[in-house]
Amino acid sequence: MDRNSDILTLKIAMLRITVEESPAEEKWILQGQLTGDFASELRANWRVSLDRCSDRSRVVVLSDVTVIDKSGEEILLEMIHQRARFVATGIYTRHLLKELQARINTECNSDLG
C-alpha cells in the first residue's frame, strides 16, 4: 500500500487580523486569505474602528496576505478612500494597490468633468 494515500492534507482558509494601536495610529496586520466572508469580517471590524476613532491614521500591512478576491479588492478600495496607508511586499499585491488607486483617481477625475 502506498503510504501517500494514507495522508490527508487539509488547507484551512483563514484571515488573521491583528490590530496594534497607539494614540496616533492603528496598524492592521493581515495574514491569510482576503476573500469572501473574511473580507466581510474585515470590513465590519474596520467600520467599528472608524466609528470609535476616525481621526487616527491607519496602516494596513498586506505582506502575509496570500489571496485577494473581488470582495477583498472592495474592502481595500474602501480603505484607500478612507486614507489608509499600505505596506505590501508582493509584486501582485503592490500592483493591485496601484490599480485600485488608479481607479479612485479616475473616479475623482470623472466627477470633476
C-alpha atoms as a PDB file:
ATOM      1  CA  MET A   1       0.000   0.000   0.000  1.00  0.00           C
ATOM      2  CA  ASP A   2       1.250   3.446  -0.936  1.00  0.00           C
ATOM      3  CA  ARG A   3       1.909   5.459   2.236  1.00  0.00           C
ATOM      4  CA  ASN A   4       0.999   8.725   0.493  1.00  0.00           C
ATOM      5  CA  SER A   5      -2.571   7.529   0.029  1.00  0.00           C
ATOM      6  CA  ASP A   6      -2.966   7.463   3.823  1.00  0.00           C
ATOM      7  CA  ILE A   7      -2.061  11.135   4.209  1.00  0.00           C
ATOM      8  CA  LEU A   8      -4.839  13.691   4.089  1.00  0.00           C
ATOM      9  CA  THR A   9      -3.755  17.269   3.516  1.00  0.00           C
ATOM     10  CA  LEU A  10      -6.108  19.973   4.716  1.00  0.00           C
ATOM     11  CA  LYS A  11      -5.778  23.590   3.741  1.00  0.00           C
ATOM     12  CA  ILE A  12      -7.673  25.714   6.181  1.00  0.00           C
ATOM     13  CA  ALA A  13      -8.789  29.026   4.757  1.00  0.00           C
ATOM     14  CA  MET A  14      -8.496  31.887   7.180  1.00  0.00           C
ATOM     15  CA  LEU A  15      -7.706  35.531   7.635  1.00  0.00           C
ATOM     16  CA  ARG A  16      -5.909  36.639  10.756  1.00  0.00           C
ATOM     17  CA  ILE A  17      -6.420  40.289  11.698  1.00  0.00           C
ATOM     18  CA  THR A  18      -4.082  41.842  14.253  1.00  0.00           C
ATOM     19  CA  VAL A  19      -4.536  45.481  15.231  1.00  0.00           C
ATOM     20  CA  GLU A  20      -1.759  47.308  17.053  1.00  0.00           C
ATOM     21  CA  GLU A  21      -2.997  50.588  18.495  1.00  0.00           C
ATOM     22  CA  SER A  22      -1.201  53.709  19.612  1.00  0.00           C
ATOM     23  CA  PRO A  23      -2.698  57.130  20.377  1.00  0.00           C
ATOM     24  CA  ALA A  24      -1.931  58.395  16.860  1.00  0.00           C
ATOM     25  CA  GLU A  25      -2.111  55.266  14.699  1.00  0.00           C
ATOM     26  CA  GLU A  26      -3.596  51.834  14.162  1.00  0.00           C
ATOM     27  CA  LYS A  27      -1.570  49.178  12.377  1.00  0.00           C
ATOM     28  CA  TRP A  28      -3.710  46.437  10.810  1.00  0.00           C
ATOM     29  CA  ILE A  29      -1.654  43.322  10.092  1.00  0.00           C
ATOM     30  CA  LEU A  30      -3.473  40.914   7.779  1.00  0.00           C
ATOM     31  CA  GLN A  31      -2.376  37.320   7.242  1.00  0.00           C
ATOM     32  CA  GLY A  32      -4.029  34.734   5.014  1.00  0.00           C
ATOM     33  CA  GLN A  33      -6.868  34.994   2.541  1.00  0.00           C
ATOM     34  CA  LEU A  34      -8.652  38.289   1.948  1.00  0.00           C
ATOM     35  CA  THR A  35     -11.690  36.646   0.381  1.00  0.00           C
ATOM     36  CA  GLY A  36     -15.457  36.272   0.778  1.00  0.00           C
ATOM     37  CA  ASP A  37     -16.636  36.126   4.381  1.00  0.00           C
ATOM     38  CA  PHE A  38     -13.156  37.041   5.626  1.00  0.00           C
ATOM     39  CA  ALA A  39     -13.295  40.315   3.671  1.00  0.00           C
ATOM     40  CA  SER A  40     -16.749  40.968   5.149  1.00  0.00           C
ATOM     41  CA  GLU A  41     -15.403  40.384   8.657  1.00  0.00           C
ATOM     42  CA  LEU A  42     -12.518  42.766   7.977  1.00  0.00           C
ATOM     43  CA  ARG A  43     -14.971  45.401   6.676  1.00  0.00           C
ATOM     44  CA  ALA A  44     -17.105  45.103   9.826  1.00  0.00           C
ATOM     45  CA  ASN A  45     -14.084  45.492  12.116  1.00  0.00           C
ATOM     46  CA  TRP A  46     -12.727  48.373  10.022  1.00  0.00           C
ATOM     47  CA  ARG A  47     -16.015  50.275  10.268  1.00  0.00           C
ATOM     48  CA  VAL A  48     -16.222  49.756  14.035  1.00  0.00           C
ATOM     49  CA  SER A  49     -12.698  51.156  14.326  1.00  0.00           C
ATOM     50  CA  LEU A  50     -13.584  54.196  12.220  1.00  0.00           C
ATOM     51  CA  ASP A  51     -16.699  54.848  14.295  1.00  0.00           C
ATOM     52  CA  ARG A  52     -14.667  54.597  17.501  1.00  0.00           C
ATOM     53  CA  CYS A  53     -11.792  56.874  16.453  1.00  0.00           C
ATOM     54  CA  SER A  54     -11.962  58.340  12.966  1.00  0.00           C
ATOM     55  CA  ASP A  55      -9.030  60.772  13.261  1.00  0.00           C
ATOM     56  CA  ARG A  56      -6.357  58.123  13.878  1.00  0.00           C
ATOM     57  CA  SER A  57      -4.130  57.266  10.917  1.00  0.00           C
ATOM     58  CA  ARG A  58      -4.284  53.656   9.746  1.00  0.00           C
ATOM     59  CA  VAL A  59      -1.599  51.468   8.226  1.00  0.00           C
ATOM     60  CA  VAL A  60      -2.589  48.143   6.653  1.00  0.00           C
ATOM     61  CA  VAL A  61       0.140  45.520   6.308  1.00  0.00           C
ATOM     62  CA  LEU A  62      -0.615  43.079   3.482  1.00  0.00           C
ATOM     63  CA  SER A  63       2.763  41.332   3.307  1.00  0.00           C
ATOM     64  CA  ASP A  64       1.367  37.994   4.518  1.00  0.00           C
ATOM     65  CA  VAL A  65      -1.883  38.047   2.543  1.00  0.00           C
ATOM     66  CA  THR A  66      -1.892  35.068   0.181  1.00  0.00           C
ATOM     67  CA  VAL A  67      -5.092  35.553  -1.858  1.00  0.00           C
ATOM     68  CA  ILE A  68      -7.298  38.563  -2.658  1.00  0.00           C
ATOM     69  CA  ASP A  69     -10.624  38.123  -4.457  1.00  0.00           C
ATOM     70  CA  LYS A  70     -13.175  40.738  -5.611  1.00  0.00           C
ATOM     71  CA  SER A  71     -14.584  41.046  -2.058  1.00  0.00           C
ATOM     72  CA  GLY A  72     -11.072  41.704  -0.808  1.00  0.00           C
ATOM     73  CA  GLU A  73     -10.484  44.288  -3.531  1.00  0.00           C
ATOM     74  CA  GLU A  74     -13.662  46.107  -2.495  1.00  0.00           C
ATOM     75  CA  ILE A  75     -12.601  46.457   1.143  1.00  0.00           C
ATOM     76  CA  LEU A  76      -9.134  47.602   0.047  1.00  0.00           C
ATOM     77  CA  LEU A  77     -10.809  50.202  -2.171  1.00  0.00           C
ATOM     78  CA  GLU A  78     -12.870  51.354   0.795  1.00  0.00           C
ATOM     79  CA  MET A  79      -9.713  51.592   2.912  1.00  0.00           C
ATOM     80  CA  ILE A  80      -7.969  53.644   0.218  1.00  0.00           C
ATOM     81  CA  HIS A  81     -10.962  56.018   0.125  1.00  0.00           C
ATOM     82  CA  GLN A  82     -10.537  56.405   3.888  1.00  0.00           C
ATOM     83  CA  ARG A  83      -6.853  57.323   3.506  1.00  0.00           C
ATOM     84  CA  ALA A  84      -5.285  54.137   4.809  1.00  0.00           C
ATOM     85  CA  ARG A  85      -1.617  53.645   4.029  1.00  0.00           C
ATOM     86  CA  PHE A  86      -0.420  50.214   2.904  1.00  0.00           C
ATOM     87  CA  VAL A  87       2.643  48.047   3.321  1.00  0.00           C
ATOM     88  CA  ALA A  88       2.906  45.297   0.712  1.00  0.00           C
ATOM     89  CA  THR A  89       5.896  43.258  -0.374  1.00  0.00           C
ATOM     90  CA  GLY A  90       4.403  41.005  -3.045  1.00  0.00           C
ATOM     91  CA  ILE A  91       4.501  42.075  -6.688  1.00  0.00           C
ATOM     92  CA  TYR A  92       0.842  41.194  -7.259  1.00  0.00           C
ATOM     93  CA  THR A  93      -0.360  42.984  -4.122  1.00  0.00           C
ATOM     94  CA  ARG A  94       1.629  46.142  -4.924  1.00  0.00           C
ATOM     95  CA  HIS A  95       0.285  46.073  -8.491  1.00  0.00           C
ATOM     96  CA  LEU A  96      -3.280  45.600  -7.240  1.00  0.00           C
ATOM     97  CA  LEU A  97      -2.967  48.563  -4.861  1.00  0.00           C
ATOM     98  CA  LYS A  98      -1.731  50.743  -7.752  1.00  0.00           C
ATOM     99  CA  GLU A  99      -4.680  49.602  -9.871  1.00  0.00           C
ATOM    100  CA  LEU A 100      -7.169  50.386  -7.103  1.00  0.00           C
ATOM    101  CA  GLN A 101      -5.611  53.816  -6.554  1.00  0.00           C
ATOM    102  CA  ALA A 102      -5.813  54.483 -10.301  1.00  0.00           C
ATOM    103  CA  ARG A 103      -9.495  53.512 -10.207  1.00  0.00           C
ATOM    104  CA  ILE A 104     -10.099  56.078  -7.470  1.00  0.00           C
ATOM    105  CA  ASN A 105      -8.169  58.734  -9.392  1.00  0.00           C
ATOM    106  CA  THR A 106     -10.285  58.015 -12.474  1.00  0.00           C
ATOM    107  CA  GLU A 107     -13.496  58.294 -10.438  1.00  0.00           C
ATOM    108  CA  CYS A 108     -12.339  61.628  -8.988  1.00  0.00           C
ATOM    109  CA  ASN A 109     -11.433  62.997 -12.418  1.00  0.00           C
ATOM    110  CA  SER A 110     -14.754  61.929 -13.914  1.00  0.00           C
ATOM    111  CA  ASP A 111     -16.588  63.603 -11.022  1.00  0.00           C
ATOM    112  CA  LEU A 112     -14.825  66.882 -11.820  1.00  0.00           C
ATOM    113  CA  GLY A 113     -15.571  66.793 -15.530  1.00  0.00           C
END
